């Protein structure tokens, strides 16, 4: 793995820093050695995200990060519209001048920027725009998804940036730790950066080919590994005003079951304070009607909820909706066993 410094100035630990957050939590492509966010300099990245140290320091500048010997600078922000904030340009410029390779998952392609491309050429480094890698994928849908015999679980959400990928990552790992073959299908740029080999960045593609590209990725995972379980990373939210995801994942991948990701402390869609989030009961009903499959559990993002109230929140939600509710950042052995137990019943 390449040693990487993650640029997340001003947003680490927030929804806008979800790419950086994901890379700190898990990854096999890059080894994070530092995070750049001057507002949290001096802290440990693990403490900010999960309350426990991971030995990854947060520093105020790229110069401070160079003592950790990075070879790559990763832009760890998910900005509105996917544009590079202008205040990030100096750090990227400095990184290229120091000979660091730059990796970015935004919609704005840094390799098309004349200043950055000239610096990369001058200093012998590369610029990787993750979404550009998937922009021209044009695989038609065939229906071969019907041949896939893995138990497919879509992790969908009630909002964007609510923790769908994190839940899928941790459940996939928990299954593997329980000696079951399991694969996660990534559907966004962060999953590619985390190193998941079966990843397709669907919001970089022409709409006509999203279903075919999704189907082909799941099918390849099945043909290569024949896993017991496949976890499908959701995107956006089926009722989100700006990011109405889930339709293509449900239609193309034909999941056998759904896990719904929800944040009980959010009243309005992230970044859209004029749009109220619909009830979790409405989401469950819609997803089950659209997919024809059950929502088998709810994964709670317990942001902004005091530690002493978290267990109470989980219990109350489970009583309210009548299906298992869990915290994806806690011990997942119980929910993993539950999924293993019910999967044959659903397949029947």
C-alpha atoms as a PDB file:
ATOM      1  CA  UNK A   1       0.000   0.000   0.000  1.00  0.00           C
ATOM      2  CA  UNK A   2       1.140   3.546  -0.728  1.00  0.00           C
ATOM      3  CA  UNK A   3       1.633   5.838   2.250  1.00  0.00           C
ATOM      4  CA  UNK A   4      -1.023   8.536   1.867  1.00  0.00           C
ATOM      5  CA  UNK A   5      -1.797  11.845   3.471  1.00  0.00           C
ATOM      6  CA  UNK A   6      -5.522  12.631   3.350  1.00  0.00           C
ATOM      7  CA  UNK A   7      -6.553  16.215   2.585  1.00  0.00           C
ATOM      8  CA  UNK A   8      -9.743  16.974   4.505  1.00  0.00           C
ATOM      9  CA  UNK A   9      -9.278  20.580   5.554  1.00  0.00           C
ATOM     10  CA  UNK A  10     -12.106  21.839   7.744  1.00  0.00           C
ATOM     11  CA  UNK A  11     -14.378  18.819   7.236  1.00  0.00           C
ATOM     12  CA  UNK A  12     -12.748  15.706   8.730  1.00  0.00           C
ATOM     13  CA  UNK A  13     -15.279  13.754  10.762  1.00  0.00           C
ATOM     14  CA  UNK A  14     -18.245  15.434   9.035  1.00  0.00           C
ATOM     15  CA  UNK A  15     -20.437  14.299   6.133  1.00  0.00           C
ATOM     16  CA  UNK A  16     -18.371  16.431   3.742  1.00  0.00           C
ATOM     17  CA  UNK A  17     -15.285  14.519   4.858  1.00  0.00           C
ATOM     18  CA  UNK A  18     -16.828  11.096   4.278  1.00  0.00           C
ATOM     19  CA  UNK A  19     -14.102  10.043   1.814  1.00  0.00           C
ATOM     20  CA  UNK A  20     -11.405  10.782   4.379  1.00  0.00           C
ATOM     21  CA  UNK A  21     -13.500   9.152   7.102  1.00  0.00           C
ATOM     22  CA  UNK A  22     -13.850   5.962   5.051  1.00  0.00           C
ATOM     23  CA  UNK A  23     -10.131   5.747   4.307  1.00  0.00           C
ATOM     24  CA  UNK A  24      -9.283   6.067   7.990  1.00  0.00           C
ATOM     25  CA  UNK A  25     -11.793   3.368   8.956  1.00  0.00           C
ATOM     26  CA  UNK A  26     -10.742   0.806   6.347  1.00  0.00           C
ATOM     27  CA  UNK A  27      -8.535   0.458   3.305  1.00  0.00           C
ATOM     28  CA  UNK A  28      -6.200  -1.849   1.419  1.00  0.00           C
ATOM     29  CA  UNK A  29      -5.152   0.491  -1.388  1.00  0.00           C
ATOM     30  CA  UNK A  30      -3.628   3.289   0.703  1.00  0.00           C
ATOM     31  CA  UNK A  31      -2.014   3.374   4.130  1.00  0.00           C
ATOM     32  CA  UNK A  32      -3.081   6.679   5.743  1.00  0.00           C
ATOM     33  CA  UNK A  33      -0.170   8.226   7.610  1.00  0.00           C
ATOM     34  CA  UNK A  34      -1.754  11.611   8.378  1.00  0.00           C
ATOM     35  CA  UNK A  35      -4.866  13.721   7.845  1.00  0.00           C
ATOM     36  CA  UNK A  36      -4.703  17.423   6.999  1.00  0.00           C
ATOM     37  CA  UNK A  37      -7.318  19.470   8.870  1.00  0.00           C
ATOM     38  CA  UNK A  38      -6.023  22.523  10.722  1.00  0.00           C
ATOM     39  CA  UNK A  39      -9.246  22.762  12.763  1.00  0.00           C
ATOM     40  CA  UNK A  40      -8.423  19.432  14.463  1.00  0.00           C
ATOM     41  CA  UNK A  41      -4.613  19.473  14.359  1.00  0.00           C
ATOM     42  CA  UNK A  42      -2.983  17.605  17.215  1.00  0.00           C
ATOM     43  CA  UNK A  43      -5.772  15.044  17.535  1.00  0.00           C
ATOM     44  CA  UNK A  44      -5.766  11.409  16.468  1.00  0.00           C
ATOM     45  CA  UNK A  45      -7.991  10.565  13.480  1.00  0.00           C
ATOM     46  CA  UNK A  46      -9.432   7.503  15.190  1.00  0.00           C
ATOM     47  CA  UNK A  47     -10.438   9.523  18.246  1.00  0.00           C
ATOM     48  CA  UNK A  48     -12.388  11.945  16.077  1.00  0.00           C
ATOM     49  CA  UNK A  49     -14.267   9.199  14.205  1.00  0.00           C
ATOM     50  CA  UNK A  50     -14.759   6.449  16.762  1.00  0.00           C
ATOM     51  CA  UNK A  51     -13.420   7.625  20.101  1.00  0.00           C
ATOM     52  CA  UNK A  52     -10.339   5.408  19.989  1.00  0.00           C
ATOM     53  CA  UNK A  53      -6.823   6.059  18.778  1.00  0.00           C
ATOM     54  CA  UNK A  54      -5.598   4.611  15.470  1.00  0.00           C
ATOM     55  CA  UNK A  55      -2.133   6.156  15.470  1.00  0.00           C
ATOM     56  CA  UNK A  56      -2.955   8.450  12.529  1.00  0.00           C
ATOM     57  CA  UNK A  57      -2.200  12.078  13.428  1.00  0.00           C
ATOM     58  CA  UNK A  58      -4.177  15.075  12.230  1.00  0.00           C
ATOM     59  CA  UNK A  59      -1.883  17.893  11.124  1.00  0.00           C
ATOM     60  CA  UNK A  60      -2.349  21.495  10.084  1.00  0.00           C
ATOM     61  CA  UNK A  61      -0.564  21.444   6.725  1.00  0.00           C
ATOM     62  CA  UNK A  62       1.074  19.288   4.088  1.00  0.00           C
ATOM     63  CA  UNK A  63       4.459  20.435   5.296  1.00  0.00           C
ATOM     64  CA  UNK A  64       3.654  18.991   8.726  1.00  0.00           C
ATOM     65  CA  UNK A  65       2.564  15.721   7.098  1.00  0.00           C
ATOM     66  CA  UNK A  66       5.805  15.212   5.153  1.00  0.00           C
ATOM     67  CA  UNK A  67       7.615  13.891   8.235  1.00  0.00           C
ATOM     68  CA  UNK A  68       5.456  10.762   7.863  1.00  0.00           C
ATOM     69  CA  UNK A  69       6.881  10.111   4.372  1.00  0.00           C
ATOM     70  CA  UNK A  70       3.732  10.001   2.200  1.00  0.00           C
ATOM     71  CA  UNK A  71       3.986   9.153  -1.484  1.00  0.00           C
ATOM     72  CA  UNK A  72       0.376  10.066  -2.300  1.00  0.00           C
ATOM     73  CA  UNK A  73      -1.962  12.948  -1.514  1.00  0.00           C
ATOM     74  CA  UNK A  74      -5.632  11.890  -1.474  1.00  0.00           C
ATOM     75  CA  UNK A  75      -8.331  14.542  -1.726  1.00  0.00           C
ATOM     76  CA  UNK A  76     -10.661  13.341   1.013  1.00  0.00           C
ATOM     77  CA  UNK A  77     -13.659  15.611   0.546  1.00  0.00           C
ATOM     78  CA  UNK A  78     -17.124  14.995  -0.909  1.00  0.00           C
ATOM     79  CA  UNK A  79     -18.207  18.523  -1.783  1.00  0.00           C
ATOM     80  CA  UNK A  80     -21.574  19.713  -3.070  1.00  0.00           C
ATOM     81  CA  UNK A  81     -21.553  19.211  -6.831  1.00  0.00           C
ATOM     82  CA  UNK A  82     -18.189  17.465  -6.657  1.00  0.00           C
ATOM     83  CA  UNK A  83     -16.159  20.620  -7.216  1.00  0.00           C
ATOM     84  CA  UNK A  84     -12.719  21.264  -5.736  1.00  0.00           C
ATOM     85  CA  UNK A  85     -12.869  24.001  -3.069  1.00  0.00           C
ATOM     86  CA  UNK A  86     -10.539  26.817  -4.094  1.00  0.00           C
ATOM     87  CA  UNK A  87      -8.854  26.735  -0.693  1.00  0.00           C
ATOM     88  CA  UNK A  88      -7.643  23.191  -1.481  1.00  0.00           C
ATOM     89  CA  UNK A  89      -5.644  24.265  -4.522  1.00  0.00           C
ATOM     90  CA  UNK A  90      -2.502  25.386  -2.643  1.00  0.00           C
ATOM     91  CA  UNK A  91      -2.132  22.020  -0.867  1.00  0.00           C
ATOM     92  CA  UNK A  92      -2.529  20.116  -4.149  1.00  0.00           C
ATOM     93  CA  UNK A  93      -0.064  22.420  -5.853  1.00  0.00           C
ATOM     94  CA  UNK A  94       2.424  21.897  -3.028  1.00  0.00           C
ATOM     95  CA  UNK A  95       1.897  18.146  -3.127  1.00  0.00           C
ATOM     96  CA  UNK A  96       2.729  17.959  -6.813  1.00  0.00           C
ATOM     97  CA  UNK A  97       5.761  20.181  -6.315  1.00  0.00           C
ATOM     98  CA  UNK A  98       6.942  17.757  -3.629  1.00  0.00           C
ATOM     99  CA  UNK A  99       6.551  14.865  -6.083  1.00  0.00           C
ATOM    100  CA  UNK A 100       3.451  13.331  -4.509  1.00  0.00           C
ATOM    101  CA  UNK A 101       0.954  11.466  -6.653  1.00  0.00           C
ATOM    102  CA  UNK A 102      -2.538  12.929  -6.304  1.00  0.00           C
ATOM    103  CA  UNK A 103      -5.774  10.913  -6.139  1.00  0.00           C
ATOM    104  CA  UNK A 104      -9.159  12.631  -6.320  1.00  0.00           C
ATOM    105  CA  UNK A 105     -12.711  11.331  -6.501  1.00  0.00           C
ATOM    106  CA  UNK A 106     -14.518  14.588  -7.284  1.00  0.00           C
ATOM    107  CA  UNK A 107     -16.536  15.296 -10.416  1.00  0.00           C
ATOM    108  CA  UNK A 108     -14.055  18.067 -11.236  1.00  0.00           C
ATOM    109  CA  UNK A 109     -11.102  16.335 -12.883  1.00  0.00           C
ATOM    110  CA  UNK A 110      -7.759  17.600 -11.587  1.00  0.00           C
ATOM    111  CA  UNK A 111      -5.919  16.009 -14.506  1.00  0.00           C
ATOM    112  CA  UNK A 112      -7.787  18.406 -16.829  1.00  0.00           C
ATOM    113  CA  UNK A 113      -6.517  21.417 -14.875  1.00  0.00           C
ATOM    114  CA  UNK A 114      -3.671  22.966 -16.882  1.00  0.00           C
ATOM    115  CA  UNK A 115      -1.735  24.109 -13.816  1.00  0.00           C
ATOM    116  CA  UNK A 116      -1.924  20.758 -12.055  1.00  0.00           C
ATOM    117  CA  UNK A 117      -1.169  18.693 -15.147  1.00  0.00           C
ATOM    118  CA  UNK A 118       1.880  20.850 -15.922  1.00  0.00           C
ATOM    119  CA  UNK A 119       3.177  20.421 -12.368  1.00  0.00           C
ATOM    120  CA  UNK A 120       2.636  16.648 -12.503  1.00  0.00           C
ATOM    121  CA  UNK A 121       4.631  16.463 -15.711  1.00  0.00           C
ATOM    122  CA  UNK A 122       7.389  18.689 -14.347  1.00  0.00           C
ATOM    123  CA  UNK A 123       7.836  16.761 -11.100  1.00  0.00           C
ATOM    124  CA  UNK A 124       7.236  13.258 -12.465  1.00  0.00           C
ATOM    125  CA  UNK A 125       4.080  12.377 -10.554  1.00  0.00           C
ATOM    126  CA  UNK A 126       0.583  11.232 -11.481  1.00  0.00           C
ATOM    127  CA  UNK A 127      -2.942  12.549 -11.053  1.00  0.00           C
ATOM    128  CA  UNK A 128      -5.671   9.922 -10.742  1.00  0.00           C
ATOM    129  CA  UNK A 129      -9.271  11.092 -11.139  1.00  0.00           C
ATOM    130  CA  UNK A 130     -11.267   8.114  -9.916  1.00  0.00           C
ATOM    131  CA  UNK A 131     -14.536   9.070 -11.576  1.00  0.00           C
ATOM    132  CA  UNK A 132     -12.802   9.573 -14.931  1.00  0.00           C
ATOM    133  CA  UNK A 133     -11.755   5.905 -14.812  1.00  0.00           C
ATOM    134  CA  UNK A 134     -15.417   4.822 -14.925  1.00  0.00           C
ATOM    135  CA  UNK A 135     -16.874   7.562 -17.125  1.00  0.00           C
ATOM    136  CA  UNK A 136     -16.753   5.591 -20.367  1.00  0.00           C
ATOM    137  CA  UNK A 137     -17.884   2.172 -19.111  1.00  0.00           C
ATOM    138  CA  UNK A 138     -20.700   1.101 -21.442  1.00  0.00           C
ATOM    139  CA  UNK A 139     -21.745  -2.457 -20.642  1.00  0.00           C
ATOM    140  CA  UNK A 140     -25.367  -3.225 -21.596  1.00  0.00           C
ATOM    141  CA  UNK A 141     -27.746  -4.978 -19.208  1.00  0.00           C
ATOM    142  CA  UNK A 142     -28.358  -8.632 -20.132  1.00  0.00           C
ATOM    143  CA  UNK A 143     -30.274 -10.232 -17.281  1.00  0.00           C
ATOM    144  CA  UNK A 144     -27.363 -12.516 -16.335  1.00  0.00           C
ATOM    145  CA  UNK A 145     -27.800 -11.327 -12.738  1.00  0.00           C
ATOM    146  CA  UNK A 146     -30.326 -14.179 -12.480  1.00  0.00           C
ATOM    147  CA  UNK A 147     -27.434 -16.645 -12.524  1.00  0.00           C
ATOM    148  CA  UNK A 148     -25.929 -15.196  -9.336  1.00  0.00           C
ATOM    149  CA  UNK A 149     -26.677 -17.494  -6.404  1.00  0.00           C
ATOM    150  CA  UNK A 150     -25.049 -15.485  -3.625  1.00  0.00           C
ATOM    151  CA  UNK A 151     -27.401 -13.999  -1.048  1.00  0.00           C
ATOM    152  CA  UNK A 152     -27.371 -10.326  -2.047  1.00  0.00           C
ATOM    153  CA  UNK A 153     -28.022  -7.628   0.563  1.00  0.00           C
ATOM    154  CA  UNK A 154     -28.413  -3.987  -0.464  1.00  0.00           C
ATOM    155  CA  UNK A 155     -27.470  -1.463   2.213  1.00  0.00           C
ATOM    156  CA  UNK A 156     -29.697   1.491   1.344  1.00  0.00           C
ATOM    157  CA  UNK A 157     -30.383   4.664   3.309  1.00  0.00           C
ATOM    158  CA  UNK A 158     -32.792   7.372   4.363  1.00  0.00           C
ATOM    159  CA  UNK A 159     -30.266  10.086   3.434  1.00  0.00           C
ATOM    160  CA  UNK A 160     -26.988  10.665   1.635  1.00  0.00           C
ATOM    161  CA  UNK A 161     -23.716  10.469   3.597  1.00  0.00           C
ATOM    162  CA  UNK A 162     -25.473   8.542   6.364  1.00  0.00           C
ATOM    163  CA  UNK A 163     -23.140   5.523   6.646  1.00  0.00           C
ATOM    164  CA  UNK A 164     -24.318   3.017   4.032  1.00  0.00           C
ATOM    165  CA  UNK A 165     -20.809   2.194   2.830  1.00  0.00           C
ATOM    166  CA  UNK A 166     -19.435   1.914   6.365  1.00  0.00           C
ATOM    167  CA  UNK A 167     -22.167  -0.554   7.323  1.00  0.00           C
ATOM    168  CA  UNK A 168     -21.573  -2.611   4.164  1.00  0.00           C
ATOM    169  CA  UNK A 169     -17.806  -2.638   4.785  1.00  0.00           C
ATOM    170  CA  UNK A 170     -18.138  -3.779   8.389  1.00  0.00           C
ATOM    171  CA  UNK A 171     -20.826  -6.402   7.717  1.00  0.00           C
ATOM    172  CA  UNK A 172     -18.754  -7.826   4.870  1.00  0.00           C
ATOM    173  CA  UNK A 173     -15.725  -8.046   7.150  1.00  0.00           C
ATOM    174  CA  UNK A 174     -17.804  -9.581   9.945  1.00  0.00           C
ATOM    175  CA  UNK A 175     -19.043 -12.308   7.588  1.00  0.00           C
ATOM    176  CA  UNK A 176     -15.479 -13.084   6.548  1.00  0.00           C
ATOM    177  CA  UNK A 177     -14.407 -13.266  10.201  1.00  0.00           C
ATOM    178  CA  UNK A 178     -17.229 -15.766  10.693  1.00  0.00           C
ATOM    179  CA  UNK A 179     -15.642 -17.974   8.002  1.00  0.00           C
ATOM    180  CA  UNK A 180     -18.232 -17.171   5.358  1.00  0.00           C
ATOM    181  CA  UNK A 181     -17.202 -16.072   1.863  1.00  0.00           C
ATOM    182  CA  UNK A 182     -18.433 -12.538   1.361  1.00  0.00           C
ATOM    183  CA  UNK A 183     -17.826  -9.723  -1.138  1.00  0.00           C
ATOM    184  CA  UNK A 184     -18.689  -6.043  -1.006  1.00  0.00           C
ATOM    185  CA  UNK A 185     -19.701  -4.357  -4.251  1.00  0.00           C
ATOM    186  CA  UNK A 186     -18.574  -0.740  -4.136  1.00  0.00           C
ATOM    187  CA  UNK A 187     -20.639   1.826  -6.016  1.00  0.00           C
ATOM    188  CA  UNK A 188     -18.747   5.042  -5.294  1.00  0.00           C
ATOM    189  CA  UNK A 189     -15.305   6.578  -5.518  1.00  0.00           C
ATOM    190  CA  UNK A 190     -14.435   6.014  -1.852  1.00  0.00           C
ATOM    191  CA  UNK A 191     -14.952   2.256  -2.180  1.00  0.00           C
ATOM    192  CA  UNK A 192     -12.435   2.239  -5.049  1.00  0.00           C
ATOM    193  CA  UNK A 193      -9.974   4.216  -2.919  1.00  0.00           C
ATOM    194  CA  UNK A 194     -10.502   1.740  -0.082  1.00  0.00           C
ATOM    195  CA  UNK A 195      -9.373  -1.014  -2.428  1.00  0.00           C
ATOM    196  CA  UNK A 196     -12.537  -3.045  -3.056  1.00  0.00           C
ATOM    197  CA  UNK A 197     -11.819  -4.829  -6.357  1.00  0.00           C
ATOM    198  CA  UNK A 198     -15.463  -5.159  -7.379  1.00  0.00           C
ATOM    199  CA  UNK A 199     -16.331  -1.479  -7.557  1.00  0.00           C
ATOM    200  CA  UNK A 200     -18.210   0.552 -10.151  1.00  0.00           C
ATOM    201  CA  UNK A 201     -18.646   4.318  -9.651  1.00  0.00           C
ATOM    202  CA  UNK A 202     -22.202   4.725 -10.851  1.00  0.00           C
ATOM    203  CA  UNK A 203     -22.554   8.510 -10.570  1.00  0.00           C
ATOM    204  CA  UNK A 204     -19.726   8.948 -13.081  1.00  0.00           C
ATOM    205  CA  UNK A 205     -21.548   7.052 -15.832  1.00  0.00           C
ATOM    206  CA  UNK A 206     -24.028   7.616 -18.622  1.00  0.00           C
ATOM    207  CA  UNK A 207     -27.401   6.683 -17.170  1.00  0.00           C
ATOM    208  CA  UNK A 208     -28.240   4.139 -19.905  1.00  0.00           C
ATOM    209  CA  UNK A 209     -25.322   1.931 -18.821  1.00  0.00           C
ATOM    210  CA  UNK A 210     -25.547   2.115 -15.023  1.00  0.00           C
ATOM    211  CA  UNK A 211     -27.677  -1.030 -14.781  1.00  0.00           C
ATOM    212  CA  UNK A 212     -25.433  -3.019 -17.112  1.00  0.00           C
ATOM    213  CA  UNK A 213     -22.251  -1.907 -15.365  1.00  0.00           C
ATOM    214  CA  UNK A 214     -23.720  -2.805 -11.970  1.00  0.00           C
ATOM    215  CA  UNK A 215     -24.913  -6.181 -13.191  1.00  0.00           C
ATOM    216  CA  UNK A 216     -21.554  -7.004 -14.763  1.00  0.00           C
ATOM    217  CA  UNK A 217     -19.642  -6.104 -11.593  1.00  0.00           C
ATOM    218  CA  UNK A 218     -21.834  -8.306  -9.390  1.00  0.00           C
ATOM    219  CA  UNK A 219     -21.709 -11.108 -11.967  1.00  0.00           C
ATOM    220  CA  UNK A 220     -17.902 -10.998 -12.115  1.00  0.00           C
ATOM    221  CA  UNK A 221     -17.720 -11.255  -8.325  1.00  0.00           C
ATOM    222  CA  UNK A 222     -19.998 -14.298  -8.501  1.00  0.00           C
ATOM    223  CA  UNK A 223     -18.063 -16.008 -11.298  1.00  0.00           C
ATOM    224  CA  UNK A 224     -14.689 -15.337  -9.686  1.00  0.00           C
ATOM    225  CA  UNK A 225     -15.453 -16.244  -6.077  1.00  0.00           C
ATOM    226  CA  UNK A 226     -18.958 -17.747  -5.736  1.00  0.00           C
ATOM    227  CA  UNK A 227     -19.345 -16.004  -2.362  1.00  0.00           C
ATOM    228  CA  UNK A 228     -22.040 -16.937   0.132  1.00  0.00           C
ATOM    229  CA  UNK A 229     -22.962 -13.265   0.584  1.00  0.00           C
ATOM    230  CA  UNK A 230     -22.714 -10.105  -1.492  1.00  0.00           C
ATOM    231  CA  UNK A 231     -23.193  -6.703   0.138  1.00  0.00           C
ATOM    232  CA  UNK A 232     -24.249  -3.908  -2.220  1.00  0.00           C
ATOM    233  CA  UNK A 233     -23.210  -0.387  -1.239  1.00  0.00           C
ATOM    234  CA  UNK A 234     -26.157   1.996  -1.621  1.00  0.00           C
ATOM    235  CA  UNK A 235     -26.021   5.523  -2.997  1.00  0.00           C
ATOM    236  CA  UNK A 236     -28.064   8.557  -1.993  1.00  0.00           C
ATOM    237  CA  UNK A 237     -31.604   7.824  -0.882  1.00  0.00           C
ATOM    238  CA  UNK A 238     -34.704   6.746  -2.774  1.00  0.00           C
ATOM    239  CA  UNK A 239     -36.578   9.927  -1.717  1.00  0.00           C
ATOM    240  CA  UNK A 240     -33.633  12.346  -1.662  1.00  0.00           C
ATOM    241  CA  UNK A 241     -34.376  15.548  -3.620  1.00  0.00           C
ATOM    242  CA  UNK A 242     -30.853  15.816  -5.067  1.00  0.00           C
ATOM    243  CA  UNK A 243     -29.467  12.262  -4.906  1.00  0.00           C
ATOM    244  CA  UNK A 244     -32.403   9.873  -5.501  1.00  0.00           C
ATOM    245  CA  UNK A 245     -30.356   6.694  -5.476  1.00  0.00           C
ATOM    246  CA  UNK A 246     -31.285   3.041  -4.916  1.00  0.00           C
ATOM    247  CA  UNK A 247     -33.460   2.547  -8.026  1.00  0.00           C
ATOM    248  CA  UNK A 248     -30.671   1.216 -10.247  1.00  0.00           C
ATOM    249  CA  UNK A 249     -29.209  -0.930  -7.473  1.00  0.00           C
ATOM    250  CA  UNK A 250     -32.575  -2.549  -6.776  1.00  0.00           C
ATOM    251  CA  UNK A 251     -33.477  -3.020 -10.441  1.00  0.00           C
ATOM    252  CA  UNK A 252     -30.093  -4.166 -11.761  1.00  0.00           C
ATOM    253  CA  UNK A 253     -28.731  -6.177  -8.833  1.00  0.00           C
ATOM    254  CA  UNK A 254     -32.048  -7.642  -7.647  1.00  0.00           C
ATOM    255  CA  UNK A 255     -31.114  -7.897  -3.945  1.00  0.00           C
ATOM    256  CA  UNK A 256     -32.584 -10.689  -1.846  1.00  0.00           C
ATOM    257  CA  UNK A 257     -32.893  -8.416   1.179  1.00  0.00           C
ATOM    258  CA  UNK A 258     -32.321  -4.830   2.274  1.00  0.00           C
ATOM    259  CA  UNK A 259     -30.663  -3.296   5.320  1.00  0.00           C
ATOM    260  CA  UNK A 260     -31.770   0.300   5.852  1.00  0.00           C
ATOM    261  CA  UNK A 261     -29.274   2.864   7.132  1.00  0.00           C
ATOM    262  CA  UNK A 262     -30.798   5.660   9.203  1.00  0.00           C
ATOM    263  CA  UNK A 263     -29.755   8.576  11.417  1.00  0.00           C
ATOM    264  CA  UNK A 264     -32.461   9.292  14.029  1.00  0.00           C
ATOM    265  CA  UNK A 265     -30.980  12.692  14.837  1.00  0.00           C
ATOM    266  CA  UNK A 266     -31.417  14.011  11.278  1.00  0.00           C
ATOM    267  CA  UNK A 267     -34.667  15.831  10.585  1.00  0.00           C
ATOM    268  CA  UNK A 268     -33.700  17.221   7.163  1.00  0.00           C
ATOM    269  CA  UNK A 269     -31.679  15.839   4.257  1.00  0.00           C
ATOM    270  CA  UNK A 270     -27.966  16.491   4.585  1.00  0.00           C
ATOM    271  CA  UNK A 271     -27.193  19.820   2.921  1.00  0.00           C
ATOM    272  CA  UNK A 272     -30.864  20.518   2.149  1.00  0.00           C
ATOM    273  CA  UNK A 273     -32.483  22.056   5.249  1.00  0.00           C
ATOM    274  CA  UNK A 274     -35.725  22.855   3.396  1.00  0.00           C
ATOM    275  CA  UNK A 275     -36.481  19.177   2.754  1.00  0.00           C
ATOM    276  CA  UNK A 276     -37.669  17.088   5.683  1.00  0.00           C
ATOM    277  CA  UNK A 277     -36.690  13.405   5.826  1.00  0.00           C
ATOM    278  CA  UNK A 278     -39.697  11.115   5.587  1.00  0.00           C
ATOM    279  CA  UNK A 279     -40.429   8.608   8.348  1.00  0.00           C
ATOM    280  CA  UNK A 280     -38.464   5.384   8.516  1.00  0.00           C
ATOM    281  CA  UNK A 281     -41.742   3.474   8.193  1.00  0.00           C
ATOM    282  CA  UNK A 282     -42.397   5.149   4.844  1.00  0.00           C
ATOM    283  CA  UNK A 283     -38.911   4.243   3.648  1.00  0.00           C
ATOM    284  CA  UNK A 284     -39.376   0.610   4.637  1.00  0.00           C
ATOM    285  CA  UNK A 285     -42.723   0.419   2.848  1.00  0.00           C
ATOM    286  CA  UNK A 286     -41.396   2.033  -0.346  1.00  0.00           C
ATOM    287  CA  UNK A 287     -38.251  -0.104  -0.518  1.00  0.00           C
ATOM    288  CA  UNK A 288     -40.210  -3.298   0.033  1.00  0.00           C
ATOM    289  CA  UNK A 289     -42.762  -2.343  -2.607  1.00  0.00           C
ATOM    290  CA  UNK A 290     -40.099  -1.428  -5.164  1.00  0.00           C
ATOM    291  CA  UNK A 291     -37.881  -4.450  -4.543  1.00  0.00           C
ATOM    292  CA  UNK A 292     -40.462  -7.045  -3.592  1.00  0.00           C
ATOM    293  CA  UNK A 293     -38.009  -8.099  -0.869  1.00  0.00           C
ATOM    294  CA  UNK A 294     -37.919  -7.524   2.905  1.00  0.00           C
ATOM    295  CA  UNK A 295     -36.074  -4.885   4.866  1.00  0.00           C
ATOM    296  CA  UNK A 296     -34.495  -7.276   7.351  1.00  0.00           C
ATOM    297  CA  UNK A 297     -32.763  -4.814   9.697  1.00  0.00           C
ATOM    298  CA  UNK A 298     -31.952  -1.179  10.359  1.00  0.00           C
ATOM    299  CA  UNK A 299     -28.415   0.074  10.897  1.00  0.00           C
ATOM    300  CA  UNK A 300     -28.350   3.236  12.994  1.00  0.00           C
ATOM    301  CA  UNK A 301     -25.944   6.117  12.563  1.00  0.00           C
ATOM    302  CA  UNK A 302     -25.908   7.393  16.151  1.00  0.00           C
ATOM    303  CA  UNK A 303     -24.310  10.755  15.387  1.00  0.00           C
ATOM    304  CA  UNK A 304     -25.175  13.574  17.813  1.00  0.00           C
ATOM    305  CA  UNK A 305     -26.645  11.114  20.327  1.00  0.00           C
ATOM    306  CA  UNK A 306     -24.927  10.998  23.764  1.00  0.00           C
ATOM    307  CA  UNK A 307     -23.173   7.755  24.576  1.00  0.00           C
ATOM    308  CA  UNK A 308     -25.458   7.039  27.508  1.00  0.00           C
ATOM    309  CA  UNK A 309     -28.544   7.231  25.268  1.00  0.00           C
ATOM    310  CA  UNK A 310     -27.353   5.107  22.347  1.00  0.00           C
ATOM    311  CA  UNK A 311     -28.533   1.737  23.617  1.00  0.00           C
ATOM    312  CA  UNK A 312     -31.889   3.265  24.513  1.00  0.00           C
ATOM    313  CA  UNK A 313     -32.195   4.653  20.974  1.00  0.00           C
ATOM    314  CA  UNK A 314     -31.505   1.223  19.460  1.00  0.00           C
ATOM    315  CA  UNK A 315     -34.043  -0.489  21.733  1.00  0.00           C
ATOM    316  CA  UNK A 316     -36.739   2.113  21.072  1.00  0.00           C
ATOM    317  CA  UNK A 317     -36.261   1.894  17.297  1.00  0.00           C
ATOM    318  CA  UNK A 318     -36.424  -1.903  17.325  1.00  0.00           C
ATOM    319  CA  UNK A 319     -39.661  -1.774  19.301  1.00  0.00           C
ATOM    320  CA  UNK A 320     -41.075   0.848  16.929  1.00  0.00           C
ATOM    321  CA  UNK A 321     -40.422  -0.984  13.642  1.00  0.00           C
ATOM    322  CA  UNK A 322     -40.398  -4.624  14.743  1.00  0.00           C
ATOM    323  CA  UNK A 323     -37.143  -5.724  13.091  1.00  0.00           C
ATOM    324  CA  UNK A 324     -33.548  -5.925  14.398  1.00  0.00           C
ATOM    325  CA  UNK A 325     -31.712  -2.627  14.851  1.00  0.00           C
ATOM    326  CA  UNK A 326     -27.948  -2.365  15.340  1.00  0.00           C
ATOM    327  CA  UNK A 327     -25.007   0.021  15.572  1.00  0.00           C
ATOM    328  CA  UNK A 328     -22.523  -0.772  12.766  1.00  0.00           C
ATOM    329  CA  UNK A 329     -19.617   0.532  14.870  1.00  0.00           C
ATOM    330  CA  UNK A 330     -20.263  -2.008  17.629  1.00  0.00           C
ATOM    331  CA  UNK A 331     -19.847  -5.795  17.838  1.00  0.00           C
ATOM    332  CA  UNK A 332     -21.569  -7.219  14.731  1.00  0.00           C
ATOM    333  CA  UNK A 333     -21.459 -10.922  15.585  1.00  0.00           C
ATOM    334  CA  UNK A 334     -25.124 -11.027  16.633  1.00  0.00           C
ATOM    335  CA  UNK A 335     -26.497  -9.274  13.524  1.00  0.00           C
ATOM    336  CA  UNK A 336     -24.159 -11.344  11.314  1.00  0.00           C
ATOM    337  CA  UNK A 337     -25.520 -14.548  12.817  1.00  0.00           C
ATOM    338  CA  UNK A 338     -29.069 -13.261  12.299  1.00  0.00           C
ATOM    339  CA  UNK A 339     -28.389 -12.631   8.592  1.00  0.00           C
ATOM    340  CA  UNK A 340     -26.910 -16.115   8.225  1.00  0.00           C
ATOM    341  CA  UNK A 341     -29.951 -17.636   9.925  1.00  0.00           C
ATOM    342  CA  UNK A 342     -32.659 -15.923   7.886  1.00  0.00           C
ATOM    343  CA  UNK A 343     -31.000 -16.004   4.461  1.00  0.00           C
ATOM    344  CA  UNK A 344     -32.072 -19.584   3.596  1.00  0.00           C
ATOM    345  CA  UNK A 345     -35.649 -18.789   4.607  1.00  0.00           C
ATOM    346  CA  UNK A 346     -35.799 -15.724   2.334  1.00  0.00           C
ATOM    347  CA  UNK A 347     -34.254 -17.629  -0.583  1.00  0.00           C
ATOM    348  CA  UNK A 348     -36.979 -20.251  -0.264  1.00  0.00           C
END
